[in-house]
Amino acid sequence: MPMEYLIVHFPRRRRVKIDDEFNGYTEELIEIEAGRHVVSLGPPYNFTPDDRTISLEDASEVEPRETTFDPAGAR
């Protein structure tokens, strides 16, 4: 399966969970297989939403897919 690239944004450094396994950190380029994935962050659980389901295809190192989590209570 082809590899795709993802960057997860959050104001603080946090471990990134992809399909219930830790795989990298926020603000770093993460390489994962193409397809549908559930992305979340590691503890502390003070972010929103709880998780995001994303579909990865045609995401390169130069133009990765990006997703963002917000601090809980932020508007």
Protein backbone atom coordinates (compact mmCIF):
# COMPACT_ATOMS: atom_id res chain seq x y z
CA MET A 1 0.00 0.00 0.00
CA PRO A 2 1.35 3.47 -0.79
CA MET A 3 2.57 5.67 2.04
CA GLU A 4 0.96 9.01 2.78
CA TYR A 5 1.93 11.97 4.96
CA LEU A 6 0.09 13.74 7.76
CA ILE A 7 0.74 16.67 10.10
CA VAL A 8 -1.42 17.02 13.21
CA HIS A 9 -1.63 20.51 14.71
CA PHE A 10 -2.09 21.29 18.41
CA PRO A 11 -0.66 24.22 20.43
CA ARG A 12 1.41 21.90 22.66
CA ARG A 13 3.63 18.92 21.84
CA ARG A 14 1.52 15.79 22.14
CA ARG A 15 1.81 12.17 21.02
CA VAL A 16 -0.41 11.36 18.04
CA LYS A 17 -2.56 8.20 18.04
CA ILE A 18 -3.52 6.71 14.70
CA ASP A 19 -5.93 3.78 14.80
CA ASP A 20 -5.28 3.39 18.57
CA GLU A 21 -1.48 3.22 18.21
CA PHE A 22 0.97 6.01 18.96
CA ASN A 23 2.68 7.17 15.79
CA GLY A 24 4.70 10.38 16.08
CA TYR A 25 4.07 13.79 17.58
CA THR A 26 2.11 16.93 16.78
CA GLU A 27 3.73 19.34 14.33
CA GLU A 28 5.93 16.56 12.88
CA LEU A 29 5.56 14.81 9.54
CA ILE A 30 4.00 11.38 10.09
CA GLU A 31 4.21 8.68 7.42
CA ILE A 32 1.33 6.17 7.33
CA GLU A 33 -0.40 3.91 4.83
CA ALA A 34 -3.01 5.33 2.49
CA GLY A 35 -6.63 4.84 3.48
CA ARG A 36 -9.07 5.75 6.23
CA HIS A 37 -7.68 6.36 9.73
CA VAL A 38 -8.90 7.54 13.13
CA VAL A 39 -6.57 10.19 14.55
CA SER A 40 -6.44 11.35 18.17
CA LEU A 41 -3.94 12.70 20.69
CA GLY A 42 -2.32 11.19 23.77
CA PRO A 43 -2.90 12.40 27.33
CA PRO A 44 -3.75 14.70 28.92
CA TYR A 45 -7.17 14.58 27.26
CA ASN A 46 -7.76 18.33 27.22
CA PHE A 47 -8.49 18.72 23.49
CA THR A 48 -11.41 18.71 21.12
CA PRO A 49 -12.71 16.84 19.19
CA ASP A 50 -11.93 13.47 20.81
CA ASP A 51 -10.83 12.12 17.43
CA ARG A 52 -11.01 12.76 13.71
CA THR A 53 -11.59 10.25 10.93
CA ILE A 54 -9.52 11.14 7.89
CA SER A 55 -8.97 9.64 4.48
CA LEU A 56 -5.41 9.77 3.21
CA GLU A 57 -4.54 9.69 -0.46
CA ASP A 58 -2.26 11.80 -2.63
CA ALA A 59 -0.63 13.40 0.43
CA SER A 60 3.08 13.96 -0.15
CA GLU A 61 5.98 15.05 2.02
CA VAL A 62 5.76 18.45 0.33
CA GLU A 63 1.95 18.69 0.59
CA PRO A 64 0.87 16.53 3.55
CA ARG A 65 -2.70 16.16 4.77
CA GLU A 66 -3.21 18.38 7.81
CA THR A 67 -5.68 18.13 10.67
CA THR A 68 -6.06 20.25 13.81
CA PHE A 69 -7.16 19.65 17.39
CA ASP A 70 -8.08 22.54 19.68
CA PRO A 71 -7.53 22.92 23.41
CA ALA A 72 -10.72 21.97 25.28
CA GLY A 73 -12.84 25.00 26.04
CA ALA A 74 -11.35 27.02 23.16
CA ARG A 75 -13.76 28.71 20.79
